[in-house]
Amino acid sequence: MSEFAYTVNATEYPPHMKHKVIFETFDKLQPGQAMLLINDHDPVPLRYQFELERPGIFAWEYIERGPETFRVRIGRVEG
């Protein structure tokens, strides 16, 4: 079984859809599950958005920090 319930490769989506898809995917997670985000730049603005919109229910862990590929484990925690 995979460590991740879902994988979102943000490079596959047009800019206006990326955050929508990421948040919809996160919202499918059960506490204790995680998703893998793959991106071509550091998703710091996304992390700030998570802090505003999903405070206290997510965990953010970089797996790979560029320079070309960024991989982030985004987990759902009990809120």
Protein backbone atom coordinates (compact mmCIF):
# COMPACT_ATOMS: atom_id res chain seq x y z
CA MET A 1 0.00 0.00 0.00
CA SER A 2 1.26 3.48 -0.85
CA GLU A 3 2.26 5.98 1.81
CA PHE A 4 -0.02 8.44 0.00
CA ALA A 5 -3.78 8.19 -0.50
CA TYR A 6 -3.52 10.56 -3.49
CA THR A 7 -0.92 12.19 -5.68
CA VAL A 8 -1.45 15.58 -7.30
CA ASN A 9 1.04 16.59 -9.96
CA ALA A 10 0.28 20.31 -10.11
CA THR A 11 2.27 20.70 -13.33
CA GLU A 12 -0.53 18.84 -15.14
CA TYR A 13 -3.16 21.50 -14.38
CA PRO A 14 -3.67 25.02 -15.72
CA PRO A 15 -2.77 27.72 -13.17
CA HIS A 16 -6.37 28.65 -12.36
CA MET A 17 -7.17 25.01 -11.42
CA LYS A 18 -4.13 24.02 -9.33
CA HIS A 19 -5.19 25.17 -5.86
CA LYS A 20 -8.78 24.06 -6.43
CA VAL A 21 -7.67 20.52 -7.29
CA ILE A 22 -5.20 20.41 -4.39
CA PHE A 23 -7.78 21.51 -1.81
CA GLU A 24 -10.45 19.17 -3.21
CA THR A 25 -7.98 16.30 -2.95
CA PHE A 26 -6.94 17.27 0.58
CA ASP A 27 -10.60 17.41 1.63
CA LYS A 28 -10.98 13.73 0.64
CA LEU A 29 -8.32 12.67 3.14
CA GLN A 30 -9.24 11.04 6.40
CA PRO A 31 -7.25 11.93 9.54
CA GLY A 32 -3.95 10.08 9.38
CA GLN A 33 -3.87 9.99 5.57
CA ALA A 34 -1.58 12.04 3.38
CA MET A 35 -1.31 13.20 -0.20
CA LEU A 36 1.77 13.86 -2.31
CA LEU A 37 2.03 17.19 -4.08
CA ILE A 38 4.45 17.47 -6.99
CA ASN A 39 5.24 20.93 -8.31
CA ASP A 40 7.83 22.76 -10.41
CA HIS A 41 8.34 25.58 -7.88
CA ASP A 42 8.27 25.97 -4.12
CA PRO A 43 4.56 26.03 -3.14
CA VAL A 44 4.99 28.50 -0.26
CA PRO A 45 1.87 30.53 -1.23
CA LEU A 46 -0.14 27.30 -1.10
CA ARG A 47 1.13 26.61 2.41
CA TYR A 48 0.00 30.08 3.49
CA GLN A 49 -3.40 29.38 1.97
CA PHE A 50 -3.60 26.09 3.91
CA GLU A 51 -2.78 27.98 7.12
CA LEU A 52 -5.67 30.37 6.44
CA GLU A 53 -8.27 27.92 5.13
CA ARG A 54 -7.43 24.66 6.94
CA PRO A 55 -5.78 25.79 10.19
CA GLY A 56 -4.81 23.04 12.59
CA ILE A 57 -5.82 20.12 10.36
CA PHE A 58 -2.85 19.74 8.04
CA ALA A 59 0.80 18.75 8.28
CA TRP A 60 3.34 19.94 5.70
CA GLU A 61 6.60 18.11 5.04
CA TYR A 62 9.01 18.70 2.19
CA ILE A 63 10.32 15.49 0.65
CA GLU A 64 12.23 17.19 -2.17
CA ARG A 65 13.10 20.89 -2.37
CA GLY A 66 14.01 21.61 -5.97
CA PRO A 67 15.50 23.22 -7.77
CA GLU A 68 13.34 21.71 -10.55
CA THR A 69 10.97 19.45 -8.64
CA PHE A 70 9.31 20.04 -5.32
CA ARG A 71 7.57 17.15 -3.56
CA VAL A 72 5.51 17.83 -0.44
CA ARG A 73 3.71 15.43 1.86
CA ILE A 74 0.48 17.09 3.00
CA GLY A 75 -1.19 15.12 5.74
CA ARG A 76 -4.54 15.47 7.43
CA VAL A 77 -4.44 15.53 11.20
CA GLU A 78 -7.18 15.58 13.81
CA GLY A 79 -8.47 19.12 14.10
